[in-house]
Amino acid sequence: MLDIFFKRRKIRSFDYQPRYYKPEEDKDEKETERRKRKLGLRTARRRKKISWVTWGFYFILLLGLIYIYLKLSNTI
């Protein structure tokens, strides 16, 4: 009776045919490198660090918002 409300897990069929790299098909190495550069696969993008000036600006902004909130709620 509980089969109506709950799905049972079923075994999935796995039909995967692996593809292998065939160097003889890669005739133009320069063209491949150009495509990789164009897609951005050659350069690892690193996350830019936030400078201490930016952190200071955010901190002062946060303090200002807290001050405005407390001032509007008449607790200061």
PDB file of N, CA and C in Angstrom:
ATOM      1  N   MET A   1       0.821  -1.191   0.000  1.00  0.00           N
ATOM      2  CA  MET A   1       0.000   0.000   0.000  1.00  0.00           C
ATOM      3  C   MET A   1       0.871   1.263   0.000  1.00  0.00           C
ATOM      4  N   LEU A   2       2.031   1.196   0.659  1.00  0.00           N
ATOM      5  CA  LEU A   2       2.904   2.352   0.687  1.00  0.00           C
ATOM      6  C   LEU A   2       3.581   2.601  -0.649  1.00  0.00           C
ATOM      7  N   ASP A   3       3.535   1.621  -1.532  1.00  0.00           N
ATOM      8  CA  ASP A   3       4.130   1.796  -2.849  1.00  0.00           C
ATOM      9  C   ASP A   3       3.435   2.892  -3.652  1.00  0.00           C
ATOM     10  N   ILE A   4       2.235   3.195  -3.308  1.00  0.00           N
ATOM     11  CA  ILE A   4       1.497   4.223  -4.024  1.00  0.00           C
ATOM     12  C   ILE A   4       2.089   5.601  -3.729  1.00  0.00           C
ATOM     13  N   PHE A   5       2.526   5.817  -2.485  1.00  0.00           N
ATOM     14  CA  PHE A   5       2.992   7.127  -2.064  1.00  0.00           C
ATOM     15  C   PHE A   5       4.485   7.349  -2.252  1.00  0.00           C
ATOM     16  N   PHE A   6       5.257   6.291  -2.244  1.00  0.00           N
ATOM     17  CA  PHE A   6       6.708   6.425  -2.321  1.00  0.00           C
ATOM     18  C   PHE A   6       7.239   5.744  -3.573  1.00  0.00           C
ATOM     19  N   LYS A   7       8.254   6.376  -4.145  1.00  0.00           N
ATOM     20  CA  LYS A   7       8.921   5.765  -5.293  1.00  0.00           C
ATOM     21  C   LYS A   7      10.013   4.835  -4.794  1.00  0.00           C
ATOM     22  N   ARG A   8      10.141   3.732  -5.418  1.00  0.00           N
ATOM     23  CA  ARG A   8      11.240   2.837  -5.112  1.00  0.00           C
ATOM     24  C   ARG A   8      12.377   3.105  -6.075  1.00  0.00           C
ATOM     25  N   ARG A   9      13.577   2.961  -5.606  1.00  0.00           N
ATOM     26  CA  ARG A   9      14.724   3.133  -6.482  1.00  0.00           C
ATOM     27  C   ARG A   9      14.847   1.935  -7.407  1.00  0.00           C
ATOM     28  N   LYS A  10      15.126   2.258  -8.648  1.00  0.00           N
ATOM     29  CA  LYS A  10      15.282   1.204  -9.636  1.00  0.00           C
ATOM     30  C   LYS A  10      16.712   1.203 -10.133  1.00  0.00           C
ATOM     31  N   ILE A  11      17.155   0.083 -10.578  1.00  0.00           N
ATOM     32  CA  ILE A  11      18.480  -0.029 -11.151  1.00  0.00           C
ATOM     33  C   ILE A  11      18.440   0.579 -12.540  1.00  0.00           C
ATOM     34  N   ARG A  12      19.322   1.548 -12.752  1.00  0.00           N
ATOM     35  CA  ARG A  12      19.363   2.201 -14.052  1.00  0.00           C
ATOM     36  C   ARG A  12      20.331   1.486 -14.973  1.00  0.00           C
ATOM     37  N   SER A  13      19.954   1.406 -16.202  1.00  0.00           N
ATOM     38  CA  SER A  13      20.877   0.814 -17.164  1.00  0.00           C
ATOM     39  C   SER A  13      21.915   1.873 -17.538  1.00  0.00           C
ATOM     40  N   PHE A  14      23.118   1.462 -17.687  1.00  0.00           N
ATOM     41  CA  PHE A  14      24.224   2.369 -17.951  1.00  0.00           C
ATOM     42  C   PHE A  14      24.853   1.970 -19.272  1.00  0.00           C
ATOM     43  N   ASP A  15      24.543   2.731 -20.288  1.00  0.00           N
ATOM     44  CA  ASP A  15      25.029   2.427 -21.625  1.00  0.00           C
ATOM     45  C   ASP A  15      25.968   3.548 -22.059  1.00  0.00           C
ATOM     46  N   TYR A  16      27.225   3.451 -21.680  1.00  0.00           N
ATOM     47  CA  TYR A  16      28.212   4.480 -21.964  1.00  0.00           C
ATOM     48  C   TYR A  16      29.308   3.899 -22.827  1.00  0.00           C
ATOM     49  N   GLN A  17      29.557   4.557 -23.924  1.00  0.00           N
ATOM     50  CA  GLN A  17      30.652   4.143 -24.793  1.00  0.00           C
ATOM     51  C   GLN A  17      31.756   5.186 -24.676  1.00  0.00           C
ATOM     52  N   PRO A  18      32.882   4.851 -24.082  1.00  0.00           N
ATOM     53  CA  PRO A  18      33.939   5.834 -23.883  1.00  0.00           C
ATOM     54  C   PRO A  18      34.551   6.278 -25.208  1.00  0.00           C
ATOM     55  N   ARG A  19      34.918   7.552 -25.220  1.00  0.00           N
ATOM     56  CA  ARG A  19      35.589   8.103 -26.389  1.00  0.00           C
ATOM     57  C   ARG A  19      37.044   8.326 -26.039  1.00  0.00           C
ATOM     58  N   TYR A  20      37.897   7.914 -26.892  1.00  0.00           N
ATOM     59  CA  TYR A  20      39.330   8.037 -26.642  1.00  0.00           C
ATOM     60  C   TYR A  20      39.940   9.059 -27.587  1.00  0.00           C
ATOM     61  N   TYR A  21      40.982   9.674 -27.124  1.00  0.00           N
ATOM     62  CA  TYR A  21      41.700  10.654 -27.932  1.00  0.00           C
ATOM     63  C   TYR A  21      42.550   9.938 -28.967  1.00  0.00           C
ATOM     64  N   LYS A  22      42.373  10.334 -30.190  1.00  0.00           N
ATOM     65  CA  LYS A  22      43.153   9.757 -31.279  1.00  0.00           C
ATOM     66  C   LYS A  22      44.015  10.865 -31.866  1.00  0.00           C
ATOM     67  N   PRO A  23      45.317  10.823 -31.625  1.00  0.00           N
ATOM     68  CA  PRO A  23      46.172  11.911 -32.104  1.00  0.00           C
ATOM     69  C   PRO A  23      46.218  12.032 -33.620  1.00  0.00           C
ATOM     70  N   GLU A  24      45.975  10.954 -34.320  1.00  0.00           N
ATOM     71  CA  GLU A  24      46.023  11.057 -35.780  1.00  0.00           C
ATOM     72  C   GLU A  24      44.862  11.893 -36.320  1.00  0.00           C
ATOM     73  N   GLU A  25      43.795  12.020 -35.547  1.00  0.00           N
ATOM     74  CA  GLU A  25      42.684  12.850 -35.983  1.00  0.00           C
ATOM     75  C   GLU A  25      42.951  14.334 -35.721  1.00  0.00           C
ATOM     76  N   ASP A  26      43.860  14.620 -34.798  1.00  0.00           N
ATOM     77  CA  ASP A  26      44.191  15.997 -34.484  1.00  0.00           C
ATOM     78  C   ASP A  26      45.327  16.459 -35.391  1.00  0.00           C
ATOM     79  N   LYS A  27      44.953  16.931 -36.562  1.00  0.00           N
ATOM     80  CA  LYS A  27      45.951  17.253 -37.572  1.00  0.00           C
ATOM     81  C   LYS A  27      46.577  18.619 -37.362  1.00  0.00           C
ATOM     82  N   ASP A  28      45.790  19.543 -36.886  1.00  0.00           N
ATOM     83  CA  ASP A  28      46.298  20.909 -36.771  1.00  0.00           C
ATOM     84  C   ASP A  28      46.405  21.284 -35.289  1.00  0.00           C
ATOM     85  N   GLU A  29      47.593  21.144 -34.736  1.00  0.00           N
ATOM     86  CA  GLU A  29      47.825  21.412 -33.312  1.00  0.00           C
ATOM     87  C   GLU A  29      47.631  22.892 -32.985  1.00  0.00           C
ATOM     88  N   LYS A  30      48.041  23.764 -33.880  1.00  0.00           N
ATOM     89  CA  LYS A  30      47.906  25.196 -33.633  1.00  0.00           C
ATOM     90  C   LYS A  30      46.435  25.607 -33.560  1.00  0.00           C
ATOM     91  N   GLU A  31      45.621  25.027 -34.402  1.00  0.00           N
ATOM     92  CA  GLU A  31      44.189  25.335 -34.394  1.00  0.00           C
ATOM     93  C   GLU A  31      43.551  24.900 -33.074  1.00  0.00           C
ATOM     94  N   THR A  32      43.965  23.758 -32.567  1.00  0.00           N
ATOM     95  CA  THR A  32      43.441  23.271 -31.292  1.00  0.00           C
ATOM     96  C   THR A  32      43.853  24.188 -30.151  1.00  0.00           C
ATOM     97  N   GLU A  33      45.105  24.609 -30.146  1.00  0.00           N
ATOM     98  CA  GLU A  33      45.575  25.517 -29.105  1.00  0.00           C
ATOM     99  C   GLU A  33      44.838  26.849 -29.169  1.00  0.00           C
ATOM    100  N   ARG A  34      44.583  27.332 -30.358  1.00  0.00           N
ATOM    101  CA  ARG A  34      43.855  28.591 -30.511  1.00  0.00           C
ATOM    102  C   ARG A  34      42.440  28.470 -29.965  1.00  0.00           C
ATOM    103  N   ARG A  35      41.794  27.358 -30.248  1.00  0.00           N
ATOM    104  CA  ARG A  35      40.440  27.142 -29.725  1.00  0.00           C
ATOM    105  C   ARG A  35      40.435  27.062 -28.214  1.00  0.00           C
ATOM    106  N   LYS A  36      41.433  26.393 -27.639  1.00  0.00           N
ATOM    107  CA  LYS A  36      41.503  26.283 -26.178  1.00  0.00           C
ATOM    108  C   LYS A  36      41.719  27.647 -25.537  1.00  0.00           C
ATOM    109  N   ARG A  37      42.572  28.460 -26.144  1.00  0.00           N
ATOM    110  CA  ARG A  37      42.791  29.812 -25.619  1.00  0.00           C
ATOM    111  C   ARG A  37      41.523  30.640 -25.729  1.00  0.00           C
ATOM    112  N   LYS A  38      40.816  30.486 -26.836  1.00  0.00           N
ATOM    113  CA  LYS A  38      39.587  31.239 -27.052  1.00  0.00           C
ATOM    114  C   LYS A  38      38.519  30.856 -26.035  1.00  0.00           C
ATOM    115  N   LEU A  39      38.440  29.584 -25.697  1.00  0.00           N
ATOM    116  CA  LEU A  39      37.460  29.126 -24.719  1.00  0.00           C
ATOM    117  C   LEU A  39      37.903  29.375 -23.287  1.00  0.00           C
ATOM    118  N   GLY A  40      39.163  29.735 -23.099  1.00  0.00           N
ATOM    119  CA  GLY A  40      39.655  30.008 -21.758  1.00  0.00           C
ATOM    120  C   GLY A  40      40.084  28.768 -21.009  1.00  0.00           C
ATOM    121  N   LEU A  41      40.436  27.714 -21.720  1.00  0.00           N
ATOM    122  CA  LEU A  41      40.836  26.484 -21.055  1.00  0.00           C
ATOM    123  C   LEU A  41      42.307  26.487 -20.657  1.00  0.00           C
ATOM    124  N   ARG A  42      43.070  27.389 -21.214  1.00  0.00           N
ATOM    125  CA  ARG A  42      44.504  27.418 -20.932  1.00  0.00           C
ATOM    126  C   ARG A  42      44.841  28.244 -19.702  1.00  0.00           C
ATOM    127  N   THR A  43      44.020  29.212 -19.387  1.00  0.00           N
ATOM    128  CA  THR A  43      44.324  30.066 -18.256  1.00  0.00           C
ATOM    129  C   THR A  43      43.427  29.691 -17.082  1.00  0.00           C
ATOM    130  N   ALA A  44      44.035  29.436 -15.974  1.00  0.00           N
ATOM    131  CA  ALA A  44      43.267  29.148 -14.767  1.00  0.00           C
ATOM    132  C   ALA A  44      42.865  30.480 -14.157  1.00  0.00           C
ATOM    133  N   ARG A  45      41.595  30.703 -14.065  1.00  0.00           N
ATOM    134  CA  ARG A  45      41.124  31.962 -13.504  1.00  0.00           C
ATOM    135  C   ARG A  45      41.182  31.886 -11.991  1.00  0.00           C
ATOM    136  N   ARG A  46      41.853  32.836 -11.431  1.00  0.00           N
ATOM    137  CA  ARG A  46      41.970  32.886  -9.982  1.00  0.00           C
ATOM    138  C   ARG A  46      41.055  33.972  -9.446  1.00  0.00           C
ATOM    139  N   ARG A  47      40.559  33.720  -8.278  1.00  0.00           N
ATOM    140  CA  ARG A  47      39.688  34.686  -7.647  1.00  0.00           C
ATOM    141  C   ARG A  47      40.513  35.857  -7.158  1.00  0.00           C
ATOM    142  N   LYS A  48      40.076  37.042  -7.485  1.00  0.00           N
ATOM    143  CA  LYS A  48      40.818  38.234  -7.129  1.00  0.00           C
ATOM    144  C   LYS A  48      40.629  38.519  -5.635  1.00  0.00           C
ATOM    145  N   LYS A  49      41.739  38.799  -4.954  1.00  0.00           N
ATOM    146  CA  LYS A  49      41.658  39.113  -3.538  1.00  0.00           C
ATOM    147  C   LYS A  49      41.105  40.519  -3.357  1.00  0.00           C
ATOM    148  N   ILE A  50      40.314  40.676  -2.309  1.00  0.00           N
ATOM    149  CA  ILE A  50      39.768  41.988  -1.994  1.00  0.00           C
ATOM    150  C   ILE A  50      40.796  42.718  -1.141  1.00  0.00           C
ATOM    151  N   SER A  51      41.126  43.936  -1.535  1.00  0.00           N
ATOM    152  CA  SER A  51      42.163  44.685  -0.833  1.00  0.00           C
ATOM    153  C   SER A  51      41.661  45.155   0.529  1.00  0.00           C
ATOM    154  N   TRP A  52      42.596  45.545   1.364  1.00  0.00           N
ATOM    155  CA  TRP A  52      42.234  45.988   2.710  1.00  0.00           C
ATOM    156  C   TRP A  52      41.472  47.302   2.660  1.00  0.00           C
ATOM    157  N   VAL A  53      41.663  48.097   1.617  1.00  0.00           N
ATOM    158  CA  VAL A  53      40.915  49.351   1.472  1.00  0.00           C
ATOM    159  C   VAL A  53      39.435  49.049   1.244  1.00  0.00           C
ATOM    160  N   THR A  54      39.164  48.043   0.417  1.00  0.00           N
ATOM    161  CA  THR A  54      37.784  47.656   0.157  1.00  0.00           C
ATOM    162  C   THR A  54      37.134  47.099   1.411  1.00  0.00           C
ATOM    163  N   TRP A  55      37.869  46.274   2.167  1.00  0.00           N
ATOM    164  CA  TRP A  55      37.335  45.754   3.424  1.00  0.00           C
ATOM    165  C   TRP A  55      37.043  46.895   4.389  1.00  0.00           C
ATOM    166  N   GLY A  56      37.934  47.885   4.439  1.00  0.00           N
ATOM    167  CA  GLY A  56      37.709  49.045   5.300  1.00  0.00           C
ATOM    168  C   GLY A  56      36.467  49.813   4.894  1.00  0.00           C
ATOM    169  N   PHE A  57      36.283  49.987   3.594  1.00  0.00           N
ATOM    170  CA  PHE A  57      35.095  50.677   3.100  1.00  0.00           C
ATOM    171  C   PHE A  57      33.831  49.928   3.496  1.00  0.00           C
ATOM    172  N   TYR A  58      33.811  48.609   3.333  1.00  0.00           N
ATOM    173  CA  TYR A  58      32.647  47.819   3.720  1.00  0.00           C
ATOM    174  C   TYR A  58      32.387  47.908   5.221  1.00  0.00           C
ATOM    175  N   PHE A  59      33.446  47.896   6.005  1.00  0.00           N
ATOM    176  CA  PHE A  59      33.306  47.968   7.456  1.00  0.00           C
ATOM    177  C   PHE A  59      32.707  49.310   7.871  1.00  0.00           C
ATOM    178  N   ILE A  60      33.209  50.398   7.296  1.00  0.00           N
ATOM    179  CA  ILE A  60      32.680  51.725   7.609  1.00  0.00           C
ATOM    180  C   ILE A  60      31.225  51.847   7.143  1.00  0.00           C
ATOM    181  N   LEU A  61      30.915  51.281   5.990  1.00  0.00           N
ATOM    182  CA  LEU A  61      29.547  51.287   5.496  1.00  0.00           C
ATOM    183  C   LEU A  61      28.625  50.529   6.443  1.00  0.00           C
ATOM    184  N   LEU A  62      29.084  49.396   6.928  1.00  0.00           N
ATOM    185  CA  LEU A  62      28.295  48.610   7.876  1.00  0.00           C
ATOM    186  C   LEU A  62      28.074  49.377   9.166  1.00  0.00           C
ATOM    187  N   LEU A  63      29.128  50.009   9.676  1.00  0.00           N
ATOM    188  CA  LEU A  63      28.980  50.814  10.894  1.00  0.00           C
ATOM    189  C   LEU A  63      28.008  51.969  10.671  1.00  0.00           C
ATOM    190  N   GLY A  64      28.066  52.581   9.508  1.00  0.00           N
ATOM    191  CA  GLY A  64      27.140  53.670   9.190  1.00  0.00           C
ATOM    192  C   GLY A  64      25.700  53.203   9.147  1.00  0.00           C
ATOM    193  N   LEU A  65      25.475  52.040   8.551  1.00  0.00           N
ATOM    194  CA  LEU A  65      24.116  51.502   8.493  1.00  0.00           C
ATOM    195  C   LEU A  65      23.595  51.154   9.883  1.00  0.00           C
ATOM    196  N   ILE A  66      24.453  50.602  10.711  1.00  0.00           N
ATOM    197  CA  ILE A  66      24.046  50.294  12.087  1.00  0.00           C
ATOM    198  C   ILE A  66      23.725  51.579  12.838  1.00  0.00           C
ATOM    199  N   TYR A  67      24.541  52.613  12.654  1.00  0.00           N
ATOM    200  CA  TYR A  67      24.302  53.899  13.309  1.00  0.00           C
ATOM    201  C   TYR A  67      22.972  54.501  12.866  1.00  0.00           C
ATOM    202  N   ILE A  68      22.694  54.464  11.564  1.00  0.00           N
ATOM    203  CA  ILE A  68      21.431  55.004  11.051  1.00  0.00           C
ATOM    204  C   ILE A  68      20.239  54.227  11.598  1.00  0.00           C
ATOM    205  N   TYR A  69      20.371  52.902  11.663  1.00  0.00           N
ATOM    206  CA  TYR A  69      19.296  52.084  12.197  1.00  0.00           C
ATOM    207  C   TYR A  69      19.038  52.409  13.660  1.00  0.00           C
ATOM    208  N   LEU A  70      20.097  52.545  14.440  1.00  0.00           N
ATOM    209  CA  LEU A  70      19.920  52.861  15.859  1.00  0.00           C
ATOM    210  C   LEU A  70      19.393  54.272  16.039  1.00  0.00           C
ATOM    211  N   LYS A  71      19.809  55.177  15.173  1.00  0.00           N
ATOM    212  CA  LYS A  71      19.333  56.567  15.273  1.00  0.00           C
ATOM    213  C   LYS A  71      17.845  56.650  14.938  1.00  0.00           C
ATOM    214  N   LEU A  72      17.405  55.903  13.948  1.00  0.00           N
ATOM    215  CA  LEU A  72      15.986  55.925  13.574  1.00  0.00           C
ATOM    216  C   LEU A  72      15.116  55.231  14.594  1.00  0.00           C
ATOM    217  N   SER A  73      15.671  54.268  15.312  1.00  0.00           N
ATOM    218  CA  SER A  73      14.887  53.571  16.318  1.00  0.00           C
ATOM    219  C   SER A  73      14.985  54.261  17.685  1.00  0.00           C
ATOM    220  N   ASN A  74      15.627  55.431  17.738  1.00  0.00           N
ATOM    221  CA  ASN A  74      15.728  56.271  18.931  1.00  0.00           C
ATOM    222  C   ASN A  74      16.364  55.565  20.113  1.00  0.00           C
ATOM    223  N   THR A  75      17.387  54.772  19.863  1.00  0.00           N
ATOM    224  CA  THR A  75      18.080  54.128  20.995  1.00  0.00           C
ATOM    225  C   THR A  75      19.376  54.835  21.325  1.00  0.00           C
ATOM    226  N   ILE A  76      19.792  55.771  20.499  1.00  0.00           N
ATOM    227  CA  ILE A  76      21.033  56.514  20.811  1.00  0.00           C
ATOM    228  C   ILE A  76      20.657  57.850  21.405  1.00  0.00           C
TER     229      ILE A  76
END
